[in-house]
Every structure is written in C-alpha cells, then in structure tokens.
Amino acid sequence: PGVHDGITGWEHLDKVITIDQTPLGRSTRSNAATYTDAFTPIRETFAAQPAARARGLTAQHFSFNVAGGRCERCEGAGVLAVEMHFLSDVLVRCPACHGRRYRREVLEVKYAGDTGRGYDISEVLDLTIAEALLLFEGVPAARERLALMVETGLGYLQLGQPASTFSGGEAQRVKLARELARRATGRTLYLLDEPTTGLHPADTAHLLRLLQRLVDAGNTVIVIEHNLDVVKVADWVIDLGPEGGAAGGRIVAEGPPETVAGTPGSHTGALLGAVVAG
C-alpha cells in the first residue's frame, strides 16, 4: 500500500502465508487435532480395530462432528447450553453421554498402542498432545503431526481442547505446525508477527529450530520481532526507526546482525551489540 516504484522477485515465490495470532475460529468443534488433521489418522486407527470392524464402525463414526457415532443429544459437544435471560449461557454436562461425546458402542472400541492400556476415543481427546504422541507412536501419520505440535511447545494442550480457548501464541503455533506438516514447495514466503509472545526461552529455542527447517527447505521466512534471541540468529535484519510511531518508519540499518550491531544511531544495534558479542 505504500508508495513504491515496483516489486521484484515475485517470480521466485508460489504463495505467501501469514501465520499470525488471530484466533483459529469461534467454533468449539475445532481443536488442535482437527485443525492439523492429526485426528483423521487417529479415527482411522480406531476404525481398524477388530472391535470396530465387528460393529461395522468406520472412521466417520469416531468423529464428534458427524452424525452416526456421536451423541445426538448434545451433537458431539459433550455439553448442553442453558440459556439465561440476563446472563451469559451456562454450559452443563450432557446427561445422555455424561460429557463423553459418543454413543456407547463407539466408546467400547479401545486402542492401546504400545502403552498396555486401552483408551476409547473420548479418553484420547482428554489426553495432552504429548501423551497422545506416546500412544500413537506406531501410527506414522498421527505421530508426525503430533510431534510437530510438541516441537512447537504445545505438548501440554489437551488434544480435544476447543480452539476457541487458545491464546494468540498457541493459535499461531498450531498454524505453524499445520504448515510444517504440509508438503514443502521450497518457494513459499512465510510472514510471522511476534511469534515468541508468551513463550518461555526454552520454547523460543524450539520455535527457532522449526523456522530454520522452513528456511533449510528453501522457503523465505520474514519475522516481525523484538526478541533479541530471534533477531541475533536472523540471516538479514531490517531495523526500522529511529523512533516509534510518527518519528519512525525509516530504515535505520539493514544487513546481518553483526552489521546492524555496529550501526550508529540504531537502538536495535545498541542492544544487539552486547548479545552478538556474548
């Protein structure tokens, strides 16, 4: 939207993907497993169990979003909304399925993997992503997607936790995990807006390794960030300033972190100098 003479280099890109902190959606029926498509191989694994085949159950029956295997009283939500006249609606546990989302015959099918204990599909949704990764270690399609979410620092999330309850940082990392699971073209431009917000330094290290994987595959990653742990490992830094707001907007310095660190008048460079030297 700014004044410019032209843009060169677009021929090297096939798509641009923004990975920001906007919510994944307001629907309570979306979660990390469905958003990253990890739930599909999980449902297929349950459908392949002898108990499921004996009952004529398919992968569709293990979806809480589709009629057939879900509890129809709550339509797979596990809760019922009680409308209040002057207050927000109150959610109460479904009296038919007792919050388990599925019909009884579906819950009778269990999967144990190498854990030695059988889990039904409702219990799987109650597991954390890290726990689910251990359970589905022998299912490559599920393992790959779950492992990516663990690598982004989301191992503590419940697999069935509604996406509408995710923080901005959690939503951004779920999006990143989904992109990493897709087949890379090597010609994609990724835009990230302050992805380290709310992250522990150890999780920031995980995030940087994932971003480096995108770069190593030939893609371009542009990160808007103030975290010096991210800035110092960038291949190229563009420092905008010299101040904020109306007193900014100009390129103060650009180049590798070492170059920006030695630029007079750059606030970023002054802070970056000590970090790079260390």
C-alpha atoms as a PDB file:
ATOM      1  CA  PRO A   1       0.000   0.000   0.000  1.00  0.00           C
ATOM      2  CA  GLY A   2       2.994   2.335   0.331  1.00  0.00           C
ATOM      3  CA  VAL A   3       4.497   4.460  -2.431  1.00  0.00           C
ATOM      4  CA  HIS A   4       6.938   2.348  -4.432  1.00  0.00           C
ATOM      5  CA  ASP A   5       8.409   2.054  -7.916  1.00  0.00           C
ATOM      6  CA  GLY A   6       7.964  -1.687  -8.210  1.00  0.00           C
ATOM      7  CA  ILE A   7       8.418  -5.095  -6.631  1.00  0.00           C
ATOM      8  CA  THR A   8      10.955  -7.553  -7.979  1.00  0.00           C
ATOM      9  CA  GLY A   9      11.473 -11.192  -7.111  1.00  0.00           C
ATOM     10  CA  TRP A  10       7.860 -12.388  -7.080  1.00  0.00           C
ATOM     11  CA  GLU A  11       8.737 -14.945  -9.746  1.00  0.00           C
ATOM     12  CA  HIS A  12      10.680 -16.872  -7.091  1.00  0.00           C
ATOM     13  CA  LEU A  13       7.569 -17.377  -4.927  1.00  0.00           C
ATOM     14  CA  ASP A  14       4.482 -19.514  -5.437  1.00  0.00           C
ATOM     15  CA  LYS A  15       2.478 -18.421  -2.370  1.00  0.00           C
ATOM     16  CA  VAL A  16       2.524 -16.176   0.690  1.00  0.00           C
ATOM     17  CA  ILE A  17       1.258 -17.497   4.031  1.00  0.00           C
ATOM     18  CA  THR A  18       0.655 -15.312   7.077  1.00  0.00           C
ATOM     19  CA  ILE A  19       0.998 -17.104  10.414  1.00  0.00           C
ATOM     20  CA  ASP A  20      -0.353 -14.603  12.931  1.00  0.00           C
ATOM     21  CA  GLN A  21      -2.068 -14.717  16.327  1.00  0.00           C
ATOM     22  CA  THR A  22      -5.646 -14.323  15.121  1.00  0.00           C
ATOM     23  CA  PRO A  23      -7.990 -16.951  16.628  1.00  0.00           C
ATOM     24  CA  LEU A  24      -8.446 -20.216  14.742  1.00  0.00           C
ATOM     25  CA  GLY A  25     -12.197 -19.683  14.953  1.00  0.00           C
ATOM     26  CA  ARG A  26     -15.020 -19.387  17.427  1.00  0.00           C
ATOM     27  CA  SER A  27     -16.361 -22.900  16.932  1.00  0.00           C
ATOM     28  CA  THR A  28     -15.986 -25.231  19.907  1.00  0.00           C
ATOM     29  CA  ARG A  29     -15.861 -28.133  17.436  1.00  0.00           C
ATOM     30  CA  SER A  30     -12.374 -27.277  16.231  1.00  0.00           C
ATOM     31  CA  ASN A  31      -9.309 -28.296  18.203  1.00  0.00           C
ATOM     32  CA  ALA A  32      -5.595 -28.825  17.654  1.00  0.00           C
ATOM     33  CA  ALA A  33      -6.142 -32.383  16.406  1.00  0.00           C
ATOM     34  CA  THR A  34      -8.766 -31.454  13.813  1.00  0.00           C
ATOM     35  CA  TYR A  35      -7.004 -28.243  12.716  1.00  0.00           C
ATOM     36  CA  THR A  36      -3.713 -30.032  11.970  1.00  0.00           C
ATOM     37  CA  ASP A  37      -5.539 -33.091  10.582  1.00  0.00           C
ATOM     38  CA  ALA A  38      -3.983 -35.338  13.226  1.00  0.00           C
ATOM     39  CA  PHE A  39      -7.469 -36.560  14.131  1.00  0.00           C
ATOM     40  CA  THR A  40      -8.030 -38.244  10.757  1.00  0.00           C
ATOM     41  CA  PRO A  41      -5.349 -40.959  11.168  1.00  0.00           C
ATOM     42  CA  ILE A  42      -6.409 -41.359  14.806  1.00  0.00           C
ATOM     43  CA  ARG A  43     -10.004 -42.065  13.737  1.00  0.00           C
ATOM     44  CA  GLU A  44      -8.783 -44.417  11.018  1.00  0.00           C
ATOM     45  CA  THR A  45      -6.733 -46.295  13.617  1.00  0.00           C
ATOM     46  CA  PHE A  46      -9.813 -46.808  15.790  1.00  0.00           C
ATOM     47  CA  ALA A  47     -11.850 -47.921  12.772  1.00  0.00           C
ATOM     48  CA  ALA A  48      -9.196 -50.567  12.019  1.00  0.00           C
ATOM     49  CA  GLN A  49      -9.561 -52.215  15.433  1.00  0.00           C
ATOM     50  CA  PRO A  50     -11.273 -55.656  15.460  1.00  0.00           C
ATOM     51  CA  ALA A  51     -13.977 -54.404  17.832  1.00  0.00           C
ATOM     52  CA  ALA A  52     -14.836 -51.588  15.408  1.00  0.00           C
ATOM     53  CA  ARG A  53     -14.956 -53.880  12.371  1.00  0.00           C
ATOM     54  CA  ALA A  54     -17.192 -56.312  14.251  1.00  0.00           C
ATOM     55  CA  ARG A  55     -19.639 -53.468  14.927  1.00  0.00           C
ATOM     56  CA  GLY A  56     -19.446 -52.102  11.381  1.00  0.00           C
ATOM     57  CA  LEU A  57     -17.924 -48.819  12.563  1.00  0.00           C
ATOM     58  CA  THR A  58     -15.970 -46.657  10.141  1.00  0.00           C
ATOM     59  CA  ALA A  59     -13.651 -43.692  10.712  1.00  0.00           C
ATOM     60  CA  GLN A  60     -16.672 -41.426  10.348  1.00  0.00           C
ATOM     61  CA  HIS A  61     -18.270 -42.911  13.461  1.00  0.00           C
ATOM     62  CA  PHE A  62     -15.305 -41.697  15.537  1.00  0.00           C
ATOM     63  CA  SER A  63     -15.881 -38.060  14.588  1.00  0.00           C
ATOM     64  CA  PHE A  64     -17.832 -35.956  17.079  1.00  0.00           C
ATOM     65  CA  ASN A  65     -18.811 -33.601  14.262  1.00  0.00           C
ATOM     66  CA  VAL A  66     -20.702 -36.155  12.147  1.00  0.00           C
ATOM     67  CA  ALA A  67     -23.959 -37.955  12.910  1.00  0.00           C
ATOM     68  CA  GLY A  68     -23.652 -41.698  13.339  1.00  0.00           C
ATOM     69  CA  GLY A  69     -21.228 -42.247  16.179  1.00  0.00           C
ATOM     70  CA  ARG A  70     -21.636 -39.066  18.172  1.00  0.00           C
ATOM     71  CA  CYS A  71     -24.160 -38.492  20.948  1.00  0.00           C
ATOM     72  CA  GLU A  72     -27.153 -36.874  19.283  1.00  0.00           C
ATOM     73  CA  ARG A  73     -28.442 -35.295  22.481  1.00  0.00           C
ATOM     74  CA  CYS A  74     -25.502 -32.862  22.554  1.00  0.00           C
ATOM     75  CA  GLU A  75     -24.482 -33.422  18.905  1.00  0.00           C
ATOM     76  CA  GLY A  76     -20.990 -34.446  19.983  1.00  0.00           C
ATOM     77  CA  ALA A  77     -20.263 -31.348  22.056  1.00  0.00           C
ATOM     78  CA  GLY A  78     -20.361 -33.160  25.399  1.00  0.00           C
ATOM     79  CA  VAL A  79     -22.189 -30.197  26.917  1.00  0.00           C
ATOM     80  CA  LEU A  80     -25.577 -28.512  26.597  1.00  0.00           C
ATOM     81  CA  ALA A  81     -26.106 -24.755  26.622  1.00  0.00           C
ATOM     82  CA  VAL A  82     -28.683 -23.459  29.082  1.00  0.00           C
ATOM     83  CA  GLU A  83     -29.935 -20.038  28.007  1.00  0.00           C
ATOM     84  CA  MET A  84     -30.040 -17.379  30.712  1.00  0.00           C
ATOM     85  CA  HIS A  85     -32.272 -14.335  30.341  1.00  0.00           C
ATOM     86  CA  PHE A  86     -29.917 -11.714  31.754  1.00  0.00           C
ATOM     87  CA  LEU A  87     -26.599 -13.595  31.902  1.00  0.00           C
ATOM     88  CA  SER A  88     -24.357 -15.492  29.518  1.00  0.00           C
ATOM     89  CA  ASP A  89     -25.403 -19.023  28.602  1.00  0.00           C
ATOM     90  CA  VAL A  90     -24.311 -21.738  31.020  1.00  0.00           C
ATOM     91  CA  LEU A  91     -22.787 -24.984  29.743  1.00  0.00           C
ATOM     92  CA  VAL A  92     -23.764 -28.170  31.579  1.00  0.00           C
ATOM     93  CA  ARG A  93     -22.531 -31.704  31.009  1.00  0.00           C
ATOM     94  CA  CYS A  94     -24.714 -33.723  28.646  1.00  0.00           C
ATOM     95  CA  PRO A  95     -26.871 -36.128  30.714  1.00  0.00           C
ATOM     96  CA  ALA A  96     -27.021 -38.657  27.868  1.00  0.00           C
ATOM     97  CA  CYS A  97     -23.303 -39.231  27.222  1.00  0.00           C
ATOM     98  CA  HIS A  98     -22.064 -37.694  30.506  1.00  0.00           C
ATOM     99  CA  GLY A  99     -19.736 -35.414  28.595  1.00  0.00           C
ATOM    100  CA  ARG A 100     -18.084 -38.183  26.574  1.00  0.00           C
ATOM    101  CA  ARG A 101     -19.465 -37.035  23.188  1.00  0.00           C
ATOM    102  CA  TYR A 102     -20.045 -40.504  21.686  1.00  0.00           C
ATOM    103  CA  ARG A 103     -22.541 -43.347  21.679  1.00  0.00           C
ATOM    104  CA  ARG A 104     -21.876 -46.344  23.917  1.00  0.00           C
ATOM    105  CA  GLU A 105     -20.944 -48.794  21.130  1.00  0.00           C
ATOM    106  CA  VAL A 106     -18.320 -46.362  19.832  1.00  0.00           C
ATOM    107  CA  LEU A 107     -16.791 -45.978  23.294  1.00  0.00           C
ATOM    108  CA  GLU A 108     -16.497 -49.768  23.597  1.00  0.00           C
ATOM    109  CA  VAL A 109     -13.729 -49.700  20.960  1.00  0.00           C
ATOM    110  CA  LYS A 110     -10.314 -49.179  22.543  1.00  0.00           C
ATOM    111  CA  TYR A 111      -6.774 -48.656  21.288  1.00  0.00           C
ATOM    112  CA  ALA A 112      -3.695 -49.394  23.387  1.00  0.00           C
ATOM    113  CA  GLY A 113      -0.730 -48.958  21.058  1.00  0.00           C
ATOM    114  CA  ASP A 114       2.395 -49.937  22.996  1.00  0.00           C
ATOM    115  CA  THR A 115       1.163 -48.486  26.291  1.00  0.00           C
ATOM    116  CA  GLY A 116      -0.542 -51.651  27.554  1.00  0.00           C
ATOM    117  CA  ARG A 117      -3.731 -49.779  28.431  1.00  0.00           C
ATOM    118  CA  GLY A 118      -6.706 -49.399  26.139  1.00  0.00           C
ATOM    119  CA  TYR A 119      -8.151 -45.914  25.518  1.00  0.00           C
ATOM    120  CA  ASP A 120     -11.504 -45.148  23.955  1.00  0.00           C
ATOM    121  CA  ILE A 121     -11.835 -42.202  21.573  1.00  0.00           C
ATOM    122  CA  SER A 122     -13.224 -39.926  24.297  1.00  0.00           C
ATOM    123  CA  GLU A 123     -10.292 -40.683  26.589  1.00  0.00           C
ATOM    124  CA  VAL A 124      -7.901 -39.936  23.713  1.00  0.00           C
ATOM    125  CA  LEU A 125      -9.395 -36.454  23.366  1.00  0.00           C
ATOM    126  CA  ASP A 126      -8.735 -35.909  27.088  1.00  0.00           C
ATOM    127  CA  LEU A 127      -5.016 -36.703  26.686  1.00  0.00           C
ATOM    128  CA  THR A 128      -2.429 -33.987  26.301  1.00  0.00           C
ATOM    129  CA  ILE A 129      -0.741 -33.790  22.909  1.00  0.00           C
ATOM    130  CA  ALA A 130       2.463 -35.158  24.439  1.00  0.00           C
ATOM    131  CA  GLU A 131       0.580 -38.138  25.917  1.00  0.00           C
ATOM    132  CA  ALA A 132      -1.200 -38.755  22.610  1.00  0.00           C
ATOM    133  CA  LEU A 133       2.174 -38.795  20.836  1.00  0.00           C
ATOM    134  CA  LEU A 134       3.302 -41.690  23.038  1.00  0.00           C
ATOM    135  CA  LEU A 135       0.043 -43.562  22.445  1.00  0.00           C
ATOM    136  CA  PHE A 136       0.139 -43.199  18.647  1.00  0.00           C
ATOM    137  CA  GLU A 137       3.873 -43.683  18.223  1.00  0.00           C
ATOM    138  CA  GLY A 138       3.119 -46.589  15.872  1.00  0.00           C
ATOM    139  CA  VAL A 139       0.820 -44.557  13.607  1.00  0.00           C
ATOM    140  CA  PRO A 140       3.161 -42.555  11.329  1.00  0.00           C
ATOM    141  CA  ALA A 141       0.584 -40.055  10.006  1.00  0.00           C
ATOM    142  CA  ALA A 142      -0.627 -39.163  13.507  1.00  0.00           C
ATOM    143  CA  ARG A 143       2.854 -39.268  15.027  1.00  0.00           C
ATOM    144  CA  GLU A 144       4.236 -36.754  12.518  1.00  0.00           C
ATOM    145  CA  ARG A 145       1.558 -34.135  13.210  1.00  0.00           C
ATOM    146  CA  LEU A 146       1.528 -34.632  16.980  1.00  0.00           C
ATOM    147  CA  ALA A 147       5.335 -34.456  17.123  1.00  0.00           C
ATOM    148  CA  LEU A 148       5.307 -31.118  15.301  1.00  0.00           C
ATOM    149  CA  MET A 149       2.920 -29.663  17.886  1.00  0.00           C
ATOM    150  CA  VAL A 150       5.132 -30.956  20.697  1.00  0.00           C
ATOM    151  CA  GLU A 151       8.147 -29.362  18.986  1.00  0.00           C
ATOM    152  CA  THR A 152       6.360 -26.002  18.918  1.00  0.00           C
ATOM    153  CA  GLY A 153       5.876 -26.219  22.690  1.00  0.00           C
ATOM    154  CA  LEU A 154       2.205 -27.263  22.660  1.00  0.00           C
ATOM    155  CA  GLY A 155       2.619 -30.663  24.279  1.00  0.00           C
ATOM    156  CA  TYR A 156       0.683 -29.517  27.363  1.00  0.00           C
ATOM    157  CA  LEU A 157      -2.552 -28.769  25.442  1.00  0.00           C
ATOM    158  CA  GLN A 158      -5.421 -31.246  25.640  1.00  0.00           C
ATOM    159  CA  LEU A 159      -5.981 -32.913  22.296  1.00  0.00           C
ATOM    160  CA  GLY A 160      -9.703 -32.117  22.391  1.00  0.00           C
ATOM    161  CA  GLN A 161      -9.425 -28.609  23.867  1.00  0.00           C
ATOM    162  CA  PRO A 162     -11.602 -26.227  21.800  1.00  0.00           C
ATOM    163  CA  ALA A 163      -9.562 -23.954  19.534  1.00  0.00           C
ATOM    164  CA  SER A 164     -11.677 -21.014  20.690  1.00  0.00           C
ATOM    165  CA  THR A 165      -9.907 -21.218  24.085  1.00  0.00           C
ATOM    166  CA  PHE A 166      -6.361 -20.971  22.673  1.00  0.00           C
ATOM    167  CA  SER A 167      -4.264 -17.906  23.396  1.00  0.00           C
ATOM    168  CA  GLY A 168      -2.893 -15.903  20.473  1.00  0.00           C
ATOM    169  CA  GLY A 169       0.517 -17.526  20.795  1.00  0.00           C
ATOM    170  CA  GLU A 170      -0.974 -21.025  20.970  1.00  0.00           C
ATOM    171  CA  ALA A 171      -3.092 -20.380  17.887  1.00  0.00           C
ATOM    172  CA  GLN A 172      -0.035 -19.155  15.998  1.00  0.00           C
ATOM    173  CA  ARG A 173       2.000 -22.225  16.879  1.00  0.00           C
ATOM    174  CA  VAL A 174      -0.834 -24.574  15.878  1.00  0.00           C
ATOM    175  CA  LYS A 175      -0.900 -22.821  12.487  1.00  0.00           C
ATOM    176  CA  LEU A 176       2.858 -23.228  12.211  1.00  0.00           C
ATOM    177  CA  ALA A 177       2.611 -26.947  12.998  1.00  0.00           C
ATOM    178  CA  ARG A 178      -0.024 -27.363  10.276  1.00  0.00           C
ATOM    179  CA  GLU A 179       2.174 -25.619   7.717  1.00  0.00           C
ATOM    180  CA  LEU A 180       5.173 -27.761   8.625  1.00  0.00           C
ATOM    181  CA  ALA A 181       3.074 -30.901   8.122  1.00  0.00           C
ATOM    182  CA  ARG A 182       2.272 -29.919   4.538  1.00  0.00           C
ATOM    183  CA  ARG A 183       4.476 -30.876   1.635  1.00  0.00           C
ATOM    184  CA  ALA A 184       7.024 -28.083   1.212  1.00  0.00           C
ATOM    185  CA  THR A 185       7.383 -26.385  -2.158  1.00  0.00           C
ATOM    186  CA  GLY A 186      10.559 -24.533  -1.235  1.00  0.00           C
ATOM    187  CA  ARG A 187       9.122 -21.368  -2.806  1.00  0.00           C
ATOM    188  CA  THR A 188       6.812 -20.143  -0.037  1.00  0.00           C
ATOM    189  CA  LEU A 189       7.059 -16.804   1.772  1.00  0.00           C
ATOM    190  CA  TYR A 190       6.009 -17.094   5.427  1.00  0.00           C
ATOM    191  CA  LEU A 191       5.126 -13.983   7.439  1.00  0.00           C
ATOM    192  CA  LEU A 192       5.102 -14.225  11.251  1.00  0.00           C
ATOM    193  CA  ASP A 193       4.123 -11.440  13.658  1.00  0.00           C
ATOM    194  CA  GLU A 194       5.950 -11.685  17.004  1.00  0.00           C
ATOM    195  CA  PRO A 195       5.734 -15.486  17.348  1.00  0.00           C
ATOM    196  CA  THR A 196       7.634 -15.533  20.665  1.00  0.00           C
ATOM    197  CA  THR A 197       4.900 -13.648  22.564  1.00  0.00           C
ATOM    198  CA  GLY A 198       4.238 -15.520  25.815  1.00  0.00           C
ATOM    199  CA  LEU A 199       6.897 -18.156  25.154  1.00  0.00           C
ATOM    200  CA  HIS A 200       9.423 -19.432  27.676  1.00  0.00           C
ATOM    201  CA  PRO A 201      13.032 -19.070  26.408  1.00  0.00           C
ATOM    202  CA  ALA A 202      13.247 -22.861  26.068  1.00  0.00           C
ATOM    203  CA  ASP A 203      10.150 -22.836  23.836  1.00  0.00           C
ATOM    204  CA  THR A 204      11.664 -19.994  21.804  1.00  0.00           C
ATOM    205  CA  ALA A 205      14.586 -22.291  21.017  1.00  0.00           C
ATOM    206  CA  HIS A 206      12.137 -24.948  19.760  1.00  0.00           C
ATOM    207  CA  LEU A 207      10.414 -22.337  17.617  1.00  0.00           C
ATOM    208  CA  LEU A 208      13.679 -21.174  16.047  1.00  0.00           C
ATOM    209  CA  ARG A 209      14.570 -24.742  15.096  1.00  0.00           C
ATOM    210  CA  LEU A 210      11.213 -25.117  13.344  1.00  0.00           C
ATOM    211  CA  LEU A 211      11.618 -21.825  11.481  1.00  0.00           C
ATOM    212  CA  GLN A 212      15.082 -22.916  10.407  1.00  0.00           C
ATOM    213  CA  ARG A 213      13.548 -26.075   8.937  1.00  0.00           C
ATOM    214  CA  LEU A 214      11.377 -23.896   6.709  1.00  0.00           C
ATOM    215  CA  VAL A 215      14.438 -21.933   5.605  1.00  0.00           C
ATOM    216  CA  ASP A 216      16.518 -25.067   5.006  1.00  0.00           C
ATOM    217  CA  ALA A 217      13.747 -26.315   2.694  1.00  0.00           C
ATOM    218  CA  GLY A 218      14.329 -23.249   0.505  1.00  0.00           C
ATOM    219  CA  ASN A 219      11.480 -21.079   1.781  1.00  0.00           C
ATOM    220  CA  THR A 220      11.672 -17.441   2.904  1.00  0.00           C
ATOM    221  CA  VAL A 221      10.635 -16.551   6.469  1.00  0.00           C
ATOM    222  CA  ILE A 222      10.017 -12.933   7.470  1.00  0.00           C
ATOM    223  CA  VAL A 223       9.547 -12.382  11.209  1.00  0.00           C
ATOM    224  CA  ILE A 224       8.406  -9.134  12.842  1.00  0.00           C
ATOM    225  CA  GLU A 225      10.034  -9.463  16.233  1.00  0.00           C
ATOM    226  CA  HIS A 226      11.662  -7.543  19.099  1.00  0.00           C
ATOM    227  CA  ASN A 227      13.052 -10.592  20.901  1.00  0.00           C
ATOM    228  CA  LEU A 228      16.836 -10.368  20.578  1.00  0.00           C
ATOM    229  CA  ASP A 229      17.172 -14.167  20.739  1.00  0.00           C
ATOM    230  CA  VAL A 230      15.352 -14.228  17.406  1.00  0.00           C
ATOM    231  CA  VAL A 231      16.996 -11.139  15.913  1.00  0.00           C
ATOM    232  CA  LYS A 232      20.542 -12.368  16.573  1.00  0.00           C
ATOM    233  CA  VAL A 233      20.048 -15.593  14.553  1.00  0.00           C
ATOM    234  CA  ALA A 234      18.411 -13.927  11.539  1.00  0.00           C
ATOM    235  CA  ASP A 235      20.194 -14.032   8.194  1.00  0.00           C
ATOM    236  CA  TRP A 236      19.183 -10.428   7.478  1.00  0.00           C
ATOM    237  CA  VAL A 237      17.856  -7.738   9.839  1.00  0.00           C
ATOM    238  CA  ILE A 238      15.919  -4.618   8.795  1.00  0.00           C
ATOM    239  CA  ASP A 239      15.844  -2.077  11.629  1.00  0.00           C
ATOM    240  CA  LEU A 240      13.029   0.465  11.282  1.00  0.00           C
ATOM    241  CA  GLY A 241      13.154   3.706  13.246  1.00  0.00           C
ATOM    242  CA  PRO A 242      14.785   5.739  14.528  1.00  0.00           C
ATOM    243  CA  GLU A 243      11.894   6.043  16.994  1.00  0.00           C
ATOM    244  CA  GLY A 244       8.370   4.674  17.153  1.00  0.00           C
ATOM    245  CA  GLY A 245       5.140   5.994  15.658  1.00  0.00           C
ATOM    246  CA  ALA A 246       5.353   9.214  13.621  1.00  0.00           C
ATOM    247  CA  ALA A 247       9.070   9.506  14.453  1.00  0.00           C
ATOM    248  CA  GLY A 248       9.825   6.156  12.832  1.00  0.00           C
ATOM    249  CA  GLY A 249       9.192   4.267   9.636  1.00  0.00           C
ATOM    250  CA  ARG A 250      12.612   4.747   8.099  1.00  0.00           C
ATOM    251  CA  ILE A 251      15.278   2.107   7.523  1.00  0.00           C
ATOM    252  CA  VAL A 252      17.994   2.855  10.085  1.00  0.00           C
ATOM    253  CA  ALA A 253      20.112  -0.190   9.367  1.00  0.00           C
ATOM    254  CA  GLU A 254      19.967  -3.456   7.483  1.00  0.00           C
ATOM    255  CA  GLY A 255      22.188  -6.460   6.989  1.00  0.00           C
ATOM    256  CA  PRO A 256      23.443  -9.398   9.086  1.00  0.00           C
ATOM    257  CA  PRO A 257      23.073  -8.981  12.871  1.00  0.00           C
ATOM    258  CA  GLU A 258      26.774  -8.127  13.207  1.00  0.00           C
ATOM    259  CA  THR A 259      26.382  -5.271  10.726  1.00  0.00           C
ATOM    260  CA  VAL A 260      23.313  -3.829  12.445  1.00  0.00           C
ATOM    261  CA  ALA A 261      25.059  -4.123  15.834  1.00  0.00           C
ATOM    262  CA  GLY A 262      27.754  -1.716  14.653  1.00  0.00           C
ATOM    263  CA  THR A 263      25.416   0.903  13.154  1.00  0.00           C
ATOM    264  CA  PRO A 264      25.461   4.300  14.963  1.00  0.00           C
ATOM    265  CA  GLY A 265      22.009   5.660  15.841  1.00  0.00           C
ATOM    266  CA  SER A 266      20.317   2.234  15.828  1.00  0.00           C
ATOM    267  CA  HIS A 267      18.596   1.407  19.122  1.00  0.00           C
ATOM    268  CA  THR A 268      18.317  -2.202  17.998  1.00  0.00           C
ATOM    269  CA  GLY A 269      22.002  -2.205  17.114  1.00  0.00           C
ATOM    270  CA  ALA A 270      22.979  -0.886  20.544  1.00  0.00           C
ATOM    271  CA  LEU A 271      21.165  -3.753  22.280  1.00  0.00           C
ATOM    272  CA  LEU A 272      22.182  -6.289  19.658  1.00  0.00           C
ATOM    273  CA  GLY A 273      25.867  -5.431  20.043  1.00  0.00           C
ATOM    274  CA  ALA A 274      26.089  -6.920  23.536  1.00  0.00           C
ATOM    275  CA  VAL A 275      24.085 -10.001  22.538  1.00  0.00           C
ATOM    276  CA  VAL A 276      26.182 -10.711  19.436  1.00  0.00           C
ATOM    277  CA  ALA A 277      29.421 -10.146  21.355  1.00  0.00           C
ATOM    278  CA  GLY A 278      28.253 -12.548  24.046  1.00  0.00           C
END
